[in-house]
Amino acid sequence: MPRHRHQHEPDHHHHHHGPHGPHAHKWFYNDEQRLALALIGARQKGIASQLVASSSVDLGGLTVELPERVHAVLRHETHHGDLVLKLDLKWFDRPTAIPPHPHPPHAPHHWVFSYEGEMTLKQAGELLHSIGDQVIDHGTVACHEHTVCLPAEALMVVRYERGPRGDLVFKNELVWAEGATTTVERSIVELLP
């Protein structure tokens, strides 16, 4: 099966120049596609079903095996004029002396909200499945008091990488331009006093 270079670049290093100098992220797999919301939701649910059923994800020639518990980060943020909604699953595959640390407050990302913590892989899969359902049904994702309104299409990023702290990260991210028209259309009469 032919491999697309942008999907599988074991030697590619992506340098993120954070406040502490360049952090190298080593990508094992990177797939970025601009998709309509229905397709995004379907892909999210497909990945979620694999996580729940087999604790692994088949990325077309590369299988990611995940542990029973992961550190999950669900975050909505602005980054370089784009809006990002991401669910990142992180874990260590080898003993490490580096404890997880929160991002410094002067990081170049502005968080709208961030939920973070340990959960079972099954719970993480169910969360991703629920997000996929919401994306398909409403074009929005509700997280407690926050509702994220998505445009009609967005860039879906699925990435498997080794992070700068030596942890493995399976990323599911949606990226869209900050000014993109969202799918939410309201009646103008709602604005009347």
N, C-alpha and C. Protein backbone atom coordinates (compact mmCIF):
# COMPACT_ATOMS: atom_id res chain seq x y z
N MET A 1 0.84 -1.19 0.00
CA MET A 1 0.00 0.00 0.00
C MET A 1 0.88 1.25 0.00
N PRO A 2 0.67 2.15 -0.96
CA PRO A 2 1.56 3.32 -1.03
C PRO A 2 1.37 4.22 0.19
N ARG A 3 2.45 4.73 0.70
CA ARG A 3 2.37 5.62 1.86
C ARG A 3 2.48 7.05 1.40
N HIS A 4 1.60 7.89 1.88
CA HIS A 4 1.71 9.32 1.57
C HIS A 4 2.69 9.93 2.55
N ARG A 5 3.63 10.70 2.01
CA ARG A 5 4.68 11.24 2.89
C ARG A 5 4.10 12.08 4.01
N HIS A 6 3.05 12.83 3.70
CA HIS A 6 2.53 13.72 4.75
C HIS A 6 1.83 12.92 5.84
N GLN A 7 1.53 11.65 5.56
CA GLN A 7 0.83 10.85 6.56
C GLN A 7 1.78 10.09 7.46
N HIS A 8 2.98 9.81 6.97
CA HIS A 8 3.84 8.92 7.75
C HIS A 8 5.27 9.37 7.57
N GLU A 9 5.74 10.22 8.44
CA GLU A 9 7.09 10.75 8.30
C GLU A 9 7.86 10.51 9.60
N PRO A 10 8.42 9.31 9.75
CA PRO A 10 9.05 8.99 11.03
C PRO A 10 10.23 9.90 11.36
N ASP A 11 10.85 10.52 10.35
CA ASP A 11 12.03 11.32 10.64
C ASP A 11 11.73 12.81 10.72
N HIS A 12 10.46 13.17 10.57
CA HIS A 12 10.13 14.59 10.54
C HIS A 12 10.06 15.17 11.94
N HIS A 13 10.76 16.27 12.15
CA HIS A 13 10.67 16.95 13.43
C HIS A 13 9.98 18.29 13.23
N HIS A 14 9.00 18.54 14.07
CA HIS A 14 8.28 19.79 14.01
C HIS A 14 8.75 20.60 15.20
N HIS A 15 9.34 21.75 14.96
CA HIS A 15 9.88 22.54 16.07
C HIS A 15 8.88 23.59 16.48
N HIS A 16 8.52 23.55 17.76
CA HIS A 16 7.61 24.55 18.30
C HIS A 16 8.44 25.44 19.20
N HIS A 17 8.60 26.70 18.80
CA HIS A 17 9.43 27.61 19.59
C HIS A 17 8.60 28.21 20.69
N GLY A 18 8.60 27.55 21.82
CA GLY A 18 7.85 28.01 22.97
C GLY A 18 8.69 28.95 23.80
N PRO A 19 8.16 29.33 24.95
CA PRO A 19 8.89 30.26 25.81
C PRO A 19 10.19 29.67 26.35
N HIS A 20 10.35 28.35 26.28
CA HIS A 20 11.56 27.73 26.80
C HIS A 20 12.46 27.24 25.68
N GLY A 21 12.45 27.94 24.55
CA GLY A 21 13.29 27.52 23.44
C GLY A 21 12.59 26.47 22.62
N PRO A 22 13.29 25.95 21.59
CA PRO A 22 12.63 25.01 20.67
C PRO A 22 12.35 23.66 21.35
N HIS A 23 11.10 23.20 21.26
CA HIS A 23 10.74 21.85 21.70
C HIS A 23 10.54 21.01 20.45
N ALA A 24 11.21 19.89 20.36
CA ALA A 24 11.03 19.05 19.18
C ALA A 24 9.92 18.04 19.42
N HIS A 25 8.95 18.01 18.53
CA HIS A 25 7.91 16.99 18.55
C HIS A 25 8.25 16.02 17.42
N LYS A 26 8.38 14.76 17.72
CA LYS A 26 8.66 13.79 16.66
C LYS A 26 7.35 13.18 16.19
N TRP A 27 7.03 13.38 14.93
CA TRP A 27 5.78 12.86 14.38
C TRP A 27 5.97 11.45 13.86
N PHE A 28 5.11 10.53 14.28
CA PHE A 28 5.08 9.19 13.69
C PHE A 28 4.02 9.15 12.60
N TYR A 29 3.01 9.98 12.74
CA TYR A 29 1.90 10.00 11.78
C TYR A 29 1.28 11.38 11.84
N ASN A 30 0.98 11.93 10.67
CA ASN A 30 0.31 13.23 10.64
C ASN A 30 -0.61 13.26 9.42
N ASP A 31 -1.88 13.47 9.67
CA ASP A 31 -2.85 13.55 8.58
C ASP A 31 -3.70 14.79 8.79
N GLU A 32 -3.70 15.68 7.81
CA GLU A 32 -4.47 16.92 7.91
C GLU A 32 -5.37 17.01 6.68
N GLN A 33 -6.68 17.06 6.93
CA GLN A 33 -7.63 17.14 5.81
C GLN A 33 -8.71 18.15 6.14
N ARG A 34 -9.05 18.97 5.13
CA ARG A 34 -10.17 19.89 5.29
C ARG A 34 -11.44 19.12 4.94
N LEU A 35 -12.34 19.00 5.91
CA LEU A 35 -13.51 18.14 5.73
C LEU A 35 -14.78 18.86 6.17
N ALA A 36 -15.89 18.45 5.59
CA ALA A 36 -17.20 18.90 6.06
C ALA A 36 -17.48 18.28 7.42
N LEU A 37 -18.34 18.94 8.20
CA LEU A 37 -18.58 18.50 9.57
C LEU A 37 -19.08 17.07 9.66
N ALA A 38 -19.94 16.65 8.73
CA ALA A 38 -20.48 15.29 8.80
C ALA A 38 -19.35 14.26 8.71
N LEU A 39 -18.36 14.54 7.86
CA LEU A 39 -17.23 13.62 7.71
C LEU A 39 -16.32 13.67 8.93
N ILE A 40 -16.14 14.87 9.48
CA ILE A 40 -15.33 15.00 10.69
C ILE A 40 -15.94 14.18 11.82
N GLY A 41 -17.25 14.36 12.04
CA GLY A 41 -17.93 13.63 13.10
C GLY A 41 -17.83 12.13 12.90
N ALA A 42 -17.98 11.69 11.64
CA ALA A 42 -17.91 10.26 11.35
C ALA A 42 -16.51 9.71 11.64
N ARG A 43 -15.47 10.48 11.28
CA ARG A 43 -14.09 10.03 11.58
C ARG A 43 -13.84 10.00 13.07
N GLN A 44 -14.34 11.02 13.79
CA GLN A 44 -14.16 11.05 15.25
C GLN A 44 -14.81 9.82 15.88
N LYS A 45 -16.02 9.49 15.43
CA LYS A 45 -16.73 8.35 15.99
C LYS A 45 -16.04 7.03 15.63
N GLY A 46 -15.48 6.97 14.42
CA GLY A 46 -14.75 5.76 14.01
C GLY A 46 -13.52 5.53 14.86
N ILE A 47 -12.77 6.60 15.11
CA ILE A 47 -11.59 6.50 15.98
C ILE A 47 -12.02 6.12 17.39
N ALA A 48 -13.08 6.77 17.88
CA ALA A 48 -13.57 6.52 19.23
C ALA A 48 -13.98 5.06 19.41
N SER A 49 -14.67 4.51 18.42
CA SER A 49 -15.12 3.12 18.51
C SER A 49 -13.93 2.16 18.61
N GLN A 50 -12.86 2.46 17.86
CA GLN A 50 -11.66 1.62 17.93
C GLN A 50 -11.01 1.70 19.31
N LEU A 51 -10.96 2.92 19.87
CA LEU A 51 -10.36 3.10 21.19
C LEU A 51 -11.09 2.26 22.23
N VAL A 52 -12.43 2.31 22.18
CA VAL A 52 -13.25 1.59 23.16
C VAL A 52 -13.14 0.08 22.95
N ALA A 53 -13.21 -0.35 21.69
CA ALA A 53 -13.29 -1.78 21.39
C ALA A 53 -11.94 -2.49 21.54
N SER A 54 -10.86 -1.85 21.10
CA SER A 54 -9.59 -2.58 21.02
C SER A 54 -8.40 -1.88 21.65
N SER A 55 -8.61 -0.72 22.29
CA SER A 55 -7.50 0.03 22.91
C SER A 55 -6.40 0.37 21.90
N SER A 56 -6.79 0.46 20.63
CA SER A 56 -5.82 0.80 19.60
C SER A 56 -6.55 1.51 18.47
N VAL A 57 -5.77 2.16 17.61
CA VAL A 57 -6.34 2.83 16.43
C VAL A 57 -5.50 2.44 15.22
N ASP A 58 -6.17 2.01 14.17
CA ASP A 58 -5.49 1.68 12.92
C ASP A 58 -5.47 2.94 12.06
N LEU A 59 -4.28 3.46 11.82
CA LEU A 59 -4.14 4.69 11.03
C LEU A 59 -3.70 4.36 9.60
N GLY A 60 -4.12 3.22 9.08
CA GLY A 60 -3.76 2.87 7.71
C GLY A 60 -2.30 2.47 7.62
N GLY A 61 -1.98 1.29 8.12
CA GLY A 61 -0.60 0.81 8.05
C GLY A 61 0.17 1.04 9.33
N LEU A 62 -0.35 1.90 10.21
CA LEU A 62 0.31 2.14 11.49
C LEU A 62 -0.74 1.98 12.58
N THR A 63 -0.49 1.07 13.52
CA THR A 63 -1.44 0.86 14.61
C THR A 63 -0.90 1.49 15.88
N VAL A 64 -1.70 2.36 16.48
CA VAL A 64 -1.32 2.99 17.75
C VAL A 64 -1.96 2.18 18.88
N GLU A 65 -1.12 1.62 19.75
CA GLU A 65 -1.61 0.89 20.93
C GLU A 65 -1.63 1.85 22.10
N LEU A 66 -2.78 2.00 22.74
CA LEU A 66 -2.89 2.92 23.87
C LEU A 66 -3.05 2.14 25.17
N PRO A 67 -2.61 2.72 26.29
CA PRO A 67 -2.73 2.04 27.58
C PRO A 67 -4.15 2.16 28.14
N GLU A 68 -4.37 1.50 29.27
CA GLU A 68 -5.70 1.48 29.87
C GLU A 68 -6.11 2.85 30.41
N ARG A 69 -5.12 3.62 30.87
CA ARG A 69 -5.39 4.96 31.38
C ARG A 69 -4.54 5.98 30.63
N VAL A 70 -5.12 7.14 30.35
CA VAL A 70 -4.39 8.19 29.64
C VAL A 70 -4.61 9.52 30.35
N HIS A 71 -3.73 10.45 30.06
CA HIS A 71 -3.91 11.83 30.51
C HIS A 71 -4.59 12.55 29.35
N ALA A 72 -5.82 13.01 29.55
CA ALA A 72 -6.60 13.60 28.47
C ALA A 72 -6.67 15.11 28.63
N VAL A 73 -6.58 15.81 27.51
CA VAL A 73 -6.69 17.27 27.49
C VAL A 73 -7.72 17.64 26.43
N LEU A 74 -8.83 18.23 26.87
CA LEU A 74 -9.83 18.77 25.95
C LEU A 74 -9.72 20.28 26.06
N ARG A 75 -9.35 20.93 24.97
CA ARG A 75 -9.05 22.36 25.06
C ARG A 75 -9.57 23.10 23.83
N HIS A 76 -10.10 24.27 24.08
CA HIS A 76 -10.50 25.18 23.01
C HIS A 76 -9.63 26.41 23.15
N GLU A 77 -8.91 26.75 22.08
CA GLU A 77 -7.94 27.84 22.21
C GLU A 77 -7.82 28.60 20.90
N THR A 78 -7.26 29.80 20.99
CA THR A 78 -6.90 30.53 19.79
C THR A 78 -5.39 30.41 19.63
N HIS A 79 -4.97 30.29 18.39
CA HIS A 79 -3.54 30.13 18.12
C HIS A 79 -3.24 30.72 16.76
N HIS A 80 -2.47 31.79 16.72
CA HIS A 80 -2.10 32.47 15.47
C HIS A 80 -3.32 32.80 14.62
N GLY A 81 -4.39 33.30 15.24
CA GLY A 81 -5.57 33.71 14.48
C GLY A 81 -6.50 32.58 14.10
N ASP A 82 -6.15 31.35 14.48
CA ASP A 82 -7.04 30.22 14.24
C ASP A 82 -7.71 29.82 15.55
N LEU A 83 -8.87 29.18 15.42
CA LEU A 83 -9.51 28.57 16.58
C LEU A 83 -9.22 27.07 16.52
N VAL A 84 -8.98 26.49 17.68
CA VAL A 84 -8.63 25.07 17.76
C VAL A 84 -9.51 24.41 18.82
N LEU A 85 -10.06 23.25 18.48
CA LEU A 85 -10.72 22.41 19.49
C LEU A 85 -10.00 21.08 19.45
N LYS A 86 -9.38 20.69 20.56
CA LYS A 86 -8.58 19.48 20.49
C LYS A 86 -8.83 18.56 21.68
N LEU A 87 -8.72 17.28 21.38
CA LEU A 87 -8.71 16.26 22.42
C LEU A 87 -7.40 15.50 22.24
N ASP A 88 -6.48 15.72 23.15
CA ASP A 88 -5.18 15.05 23.09
C ASP A 88 -5.12 13.99 24.19
N LEU A 89 -4.66 12.80 23.83
CA LEU A 89 -4.48 11.71 24.80
C LEU A 89 -2.98 11.48 24.94
N LYS A 90 -2.49 11.53 26.18
CA LYS A 90 -1.05 11.44 26.42
C LYS A 90 -0.75 10.31 27.39
N TRP A 91 0.39 9.68 27.19
CA TRP A 91 0.83 8.63 28.13
C TRP A 91 2.32 8.42 27.99
N PHE A 92 2.92 7.83 29.01
CA PHE A 92 4.34 7.49 28.96
C PHE A 92 4.48 6.00 28.69
N ASP A 93 5.34 5.66 27.73
CA ASP A 93 5.56 4.25 27.41
C ASP A 93 6.83 3.73 28.08
N ARG A 94 7.48 4.59 28.85
CA ARG A 94 8.70 4.16 29.55
C ARG A 94 8.84 5.03 30.79
N PRO A 95 9.53 4.52 31.82
CA PRO A 95 9.67 5.31 33.04
C PRO A 95 10.36 6.64 32.75
N THR A 96 9.92 7.68 33.43
CA THR A 96 10.50 8.98 33.17
C THR A 96 10.66 9.74 34.48
N ALA A 97 11.66 10.59 34.51
CA ALA A 97 11.88 11.40 35.71
C ALA A 97 11.17 12.75 35.60
N ILE A 98 10.61 13.03 34.42
CA ILE A 98 10.01 14.36 34.21
C ILE A 98 8.53 14.31 34.59
N PRO A 99 8.12 15.00 35.64
CA PRO A 99 6.70 15.02 35.97
C PRO A 99 5.95 15.91 34.99
N PRO A 100 4.67 15.60 34.72
CA PRO A 100 3.89 16.48 33.85
C PRO A 100 3.80 17.86 34.48
N HIS A 101 3.91 18.89 33.68
CA HIS A 101 3.77 20.24 34.23
C HIS A 101 2.77 21.01 33.39
N PRO A 102 2.01 21.91 34.00
CA PRO A 102 1.09 22.72 33.22
C PRO A 102 1.86 23.69 32.32
N HIS A 103 1.22 24.12 31.26
CA HIS A 103 1.85 25.12 30.40
C HIS A 103 2.10 26.39 31.19
N PRO A 104 3.20 27.09 30.92
CA PRO A 104 3.41 28.37 31.60
C PRO A 104 2.32 29.35 31.18
N PRO A 105 1.96 30.28 32.07
CA PRO A 105 0.87 31.20 31.75
C PRO A 105 1.17 32.12 30.57
N HIS A 106 2.46 32.28 30.23
CA HIS A 106 2.78 33.18 29.12
C HIS A 106 2.94 32.41 27.81
N ALA A 107 2.37 31.22 27.73
CA ALA A 107 2.41 30.47 26.47
C ALA A 107 1.68 31.25 25.38
N PRO A 108 2.05 31.05 24.11
CA PRO A 108 1.48 31.86 23.03
C PRO A 108 0.05 31.46 22.66
N HIS A 109 -0.55 30.51 23.38
CA HIS A 109 -1.93 30.12 23.11
C HIS A 109 -2.84 30.84 24.09
N HIS A 110 -4.00 31.22 23.62
CA HIS A 110 -4.99 31.76 24.55
C HIS A 110 -6.09 30.72 24.69
N TRP A 111 -6.28 30.23 25.90
CA TRP A 111 -7.29 29.21 26.12
C TRP A 111 -8.64 29.84 26.31
N VAL A 112 -9.65 29.32 25.63
CA VAL A 112 -11.02 29.69 25.94
C VAL A 112 -11.47 28.83 27.12
N PHE A 113 -11.17 27.52 27.03
CA PHE A 113 -11.36 26.64 28.19
C PHE A 113 -10.43 25.44 28.05
N SER A 114 -10.17 24.81 29.16
CA SER A 114 -9.31 23.63 29.16
C SER A 114 -9.76 22.67 30.25
N TYR A 115 -10.02 21.43 29.86
CA TYR A 115 -10.32 20.37 30.82
C TYR A 115 -9.19 19.37 30.71
N GLU A 116 -8.67 18.94 31.85
CA GLU A 116 -7.49 18.09 31.81
C GLU A 116 -7.53 17.11 32.96
N GLY A 117 -7.08 15.89 32.74
CA GLY A 117 -7.00 14.94 33.84
C GLY A 117 -6.86 13.51 33.35
N GLU A 118 -6.69 12.61 34.32
CA GLU A 118 -6.56 11.19 34.02
C GLU A 118 -7.93 10.59 33.77
N MET A 119 -8.03 9.69 32.79
CA MET A 119 -9.27 8.94 32.59
C MET A 119 -8.93 7.61 31.95
N THR A 120 -9.87 6.68 32.00
CA THR A 120 -9.62 5.42 31.31
C THR A 120 -9.73 5.67 29.81
N LEU A 121 -9.09 4.80 29.05
CA LEU A 121 -9.15 4.94 27.60
C LEU A 121 -10.59 4.80 27.11
N LYS A 122 -11.35 3.94 27.78
CA LYS A 122 -12.76 3.75 27.42
C LYS A 122 -13.53 5.07 27.60
N GLN A 123 -13.29 5.76 28.70
CA GLN A 123 -13.94 7.05 28.93
C GLN A 123 -13.53 8.07 27.87
N ALA A 124 -12.24 8.08 27.53
CA ALA A 124 -11.75 9.01 26.52
C ALA A 124 -12.41 8.72 25.16
N GLY A 125 -12.55 7.43 24.84
CA GLY A 125 -13.22 7.04 23.60
C GLY A 125 -14.68 7.47 23.60
N GLU A 126 -15.34 7.30 24.74
CA GLU A 126 -16.75 7.72 24.83
C GLU A 126 -16.89 9.23 24.69
N LEU A 127 -15.92 9.97 25.24
CA LEU A 127 -15.94 11.43 25.11
C LEU A 127 -15.79 11.84 23.65
N LEU A 128 -14.83 11.22 22.95
CA LEU A 128 -14.62 11.54 21.54
C LEU A 128 -15.85 11.17 20.71
N HIS A 129 -16.48 10.05 21.06
CA HIS A 129 -17.69 9.61 20.36
C HIS A 129 -18.82 10.63 20.54
N SER A 130 -18.95 11.13 21.76
CA SER A 130 -19.97 12.13 22.06
C SER A 130 -19.71 13.44 21.29
N ILE A 131 -18.43 13.82 21.19
CA ILE A 131 -18.07 15.02 20.42
C ILE A 131 -18.46 14.81 18.95
N GLY A 132 -18.15 13.62 18.40
CA GLY A 132 -18.50 13.32 17.01
C GLY A 132 -20.00 13.40 16.77
N ASP A 133 -20.78 12.88 17.71
CA ASP A 133 -22.24 12.97 17.61
C ASP A 133 -22.71 14.41 17.56
N GLN A 134 -22.17 15.24 18.45
CA GLN A 134 -22.58 16.64 18.51
C GLN A 134 -22.19 17.39 17.24
N VAL A 135 -21.00 17.09 16.72
CA VAL A 135 -20.53 17.74 15.49
C VAL A 135 -21.50 17.43 14.34
N ILE A 136 -21.93 16.16 14.24
CA ILE A 136 -22.83 15.76 13.16
C ILE A 136 -24.22 16.35 13.38
N ASP A 137 -24.73 16.28 14.61
CA ASP A 137 -26.12 16.66 14.86
C ASP A 137 -26.34 18.17 14.90
N HIS A 138 -25.39 18.91 15.47
CA HIS A 138 -25.64 20.34 15.71
C HIS A 138 -24.58 21.27 15.13
N GLY A 139 -23.41 20.75 14.76
CA GLY A 139 -22.32 21.64 14.34
C GLY A 139 -21.76 22.43 15.51
N THR A 140 -22.08 21.99 16.72
CA THR A 140 -21.54 22.63 17.92
C THR A 140 -21.08 21.54 18.88
N VAL A 141 -20.21 21.92 19.81
CA VAL A 141 -19.78 21.01 20.86
C VAL A 141 -19.97 21.72 22.19
N ALA A 142 -20.79 21.13 23.05
CA ALA A 142 -21.09 21.74 24.35
C ALA A 142 -20.20 21.15 25.43
N CYS A 143 -19.55 22.03 26.19
CA CYS A 143 -18.72 21.61 27.31
C CYS A 143 -19.14 22.44 28.51
N HIS A 144 -20.04 21.90 29.32
CA HIS A 144 -20.60 22.64 30.46
C HIS A 144 -21.15 23.98 29.98
N GLU A 145 -20.59 25.08 30.52
CA GLU A 145 -21.20 26.38 30.16
C GLU A 145 -20.72 26.90 28.82
N HIS A 146 -19.75 26.22 28.20
CA HIS A 146 -19.21 26.69 26.92
C HIS A 146 -19.81 25.90 25.76
N THR A 147 -20.13 26.59 24.68
CA THR A 147 -20.52 25.90 23.45
C THR A 147 -19.61 26.38 22.33
N VAL A 148 -18.97 25.44 21.67
CA VAL A 148 -18.08 25.76 20.55
C VAL A 148 -18.88 25.63 19.26
N CYS A 149 -18.97 26.72 18.49
CA CYS A 149 -19.69 26.70 17.22
C CYS A 149 -18.68 26.49 16.09
N LEU A 150 -18.90 25.43 15.33
CA LEU A 150 -17.97 25.10 14.26
C LEU A 150 -18.45 25.65 12.93
N PRO A 151 -17.53 25.97 12.01
CA PRO A 151 -17.94 26.36 10.66
C PRO A 151 -18.38 25.12 9.88
N ALA A 152 -18.84 25.31 8.65
CA ALA A 152 -19.36 24.19 7.85
C ALA A 152 -18.28 23.16 7.55
N GLU A 153 -17.04 23.60 7.50
CA GLU A 153 -15.94 22.65 7.34
C GLU A 153 -14.74 23.16 8.13
N ALA A 154 -13.88 22.23 8.49
CA ALA A 154 -12.70 22.58 9.28
C ALA A 154 -11.55 21.65 8.90
N LEU A 155 -10.36 22.03 9.31
CA LEU A 155 -9.19 21.18 9.11
C LEU A 155 -9.16 20.17 10.24
N MET A 156 -9.19 18.89 9.89
CA MET A 156 -9.10 17.84 10.91
C MET A 156 -7.68 17.31 10.93
N VAL A 157 -7.05 17.38 12.09
CA VAL A 157 -5.68 16.93 12.25
C VAL A 157 -5.67 15.70 13.15
N VAL A 158 -5.16 14.60 12.63
CA VAL A 158 -4.96 13.39 13.44
C VAL A 158 -3.45 13.15 13.44
N ARG A 159 -2.88 13.16 14.64
CA ARG A 159 -1.43 13.09 14.72
C ARG A 159 -1.02 12.18 15.88
N TYR A 160 0.04 11.43 15.65
CA TYR A 160 0.62 10.57 16.69
C TYR A 160 2.08 10.97 16.79
N GLU A 161 2.50 11.40 17.97
CA GLU A 161 3.84 11.97 18.08
C GLU A 161 4.44 11.68 19.45
N ARG A 162 5.74 11.90 19.52
CA ARG A 162 6.40 11.90 20.82
C ARG A 162 6.60 13.35 21.22
N GLY A 163 6.03 13.72 22.36
CA GLY A 163 6.10 15.11 22.81
C GLY A 163 7.47 15.45 23.38
N PRO A 164 7.66 16.73 23.68
CA PRO A 164 8.98 17.19 24.15
C PRO A 164 9.37 16.60 25.50
N ARG A 165 8.39 16.11 26.28
CA ARG A 165 8.72 15.54 27.58
C ARG A 165 8.87 14.02 27.52
N GLY A 166 8.90 13.48 26.30
CA GLY A 166 9.11 12.04 26.15
C GLY A 166 7.84 11.22 26.20
N ASP A 167 6.68 11.91 26.35
CA ASP A 167 5.42 11.16 26.37
C ASP A 167 4.92 10.94 24.95
N LEU A 168 4.07 9.94 24.79
CA LEU A 168 3.42 9.71 23.50
C LEU A 168 2.09 10.46 23.51
N VAL A 169 1.75 11.04 22.36
CA VAL A 169 0.54 11.86 22.27
C VAL A 169 -0.24 11.45 21.03
N PHE A 170 -1.54 11.16 21.23
CA PHE A 170 -2.44 10.92 20.11
C PHE A 170 -3.39 12.11 20.05
N LYS A 171 -3.25 12.90 18.99
CA LYS A 171 -3.96 14.18 18.89
C LYS A 171 -5.13 14.07 17.93
N ASN A 172 -6.25 14.64 18.33
CA ASN A 172 -7.40 14.83 17.45
C ASN A 172 -7.76 16.30 17.53
N GLU A 173 -7.49 17.05 16.47
CA GLU A 173 -7.68 18.49 16.54
C GLU A 173 -8.51 18.99 15.37
N LEU A 174 -9.35 19.98 15.63
CA LEU A 174 -10.07 20.69 14.59
C LEU A 174 -9.57 22.13 14.59
N VAL A 175 -9.25 22.63 13.41
CA VAL A 175 -8.68 23.97 13.28
C VAL A 175 -9.48 24.74 12.23
N TRP A 176 -9.84 25.98 12.55
CA TRP A 176 -10.53 26.81 11.57
C TRP A 176 -10.19 28.27 11.80
N ALA A 177 -10.34 29.08 10.77
CA ALA A 177 -10.00 30.50 10.87
C ALA A 177 -10.97 31.21 11.79
N GLU A 178 -10.44 32.14 12.57
CA GLU A 178 -11.24 32.79 13.61
C GLU A 178 -12.47 33.48 13.03
N GLY A 179 -12.37 34.01 11.81
CA GLY A 179 -13.51 34.72 11.24
C GLY A 179 -14.46 33.84 10.43
N ALA A 180 -14.21 32.52 10.43
CA ALA A 180 -15.01 31.62 9.59
C ALA A 180 -16.49 31.67 10.00
N THR A 181 -17.36 31.62 9.01
CA THR A 181 -18.79 31.64 9.30
C THR A 181 -19.17 30.35 10.01
N THR A 182 -19.84 30.47 11.13
CA THR A 182 -20.26 29.27 11.83
C THR A 182 -21.59 28.80 11.28
N THR A 183 -21.94 27.59 11.66
CA THR A 183 -23.17 27.00 11.14
C THR A 183 -24.39 27.47 11.90
N VAL A 184 -24.18 28.27 12.97
CA VAL A 184 -25.32 28.69 13.78
C VAL A 184 -26.00 29.90 13.13
N GLU A 185 -27.23 29.73 12.73
CA GLU A 185 -27.99 30.83 12.17
C GLU A 185 -29.20 31.07 13.05
N ARG A 186 -29.35 32.29 13.52
CA ARG A 186 -30.44 32.62 14.42
C ARG A 186 -31.41 33.55 13.70
N SER A 187 -32.61 33.57 14.19
CA SER A 187 -33.59 34.50 13.61
C SER A 187 -33.32 35.90 14.12
N ILE A 188 -33.41 36.89 13.22
CA ILE A 188 -33.12 38.26 13.60
C ILE A 188 -34.14 38.80 14.62
N VAL A 189 -35.32 38.20 14.65
CA VAL A 189 -36.30 38.70 15.62
C VAL A 189 -35.88 38.46 17.07
N GLU A 190 -34.94 37.52 17.25
CA GLU A 190 -34.42 37.29 18.61
C GLU A 190 -33.74 38.53 19.17
N LEU A 191 -33.31 39.43 18.27
CA LEU A 191 -32.59 40.62 18.72
C LEU A 191 -33.54 41.73 19.15
N LEU A 192 -34.82 41.59 18.82
CA LEU A 192 -35.77 42.65 19.17
C LEU A 192 -35.99 42.72 20.67
N PRO A 193 -36.14 43.92 21.22
CA PRO A 193 -36.34 44.04 22.66
C PRO A 193 -37.69 43.49 23.09
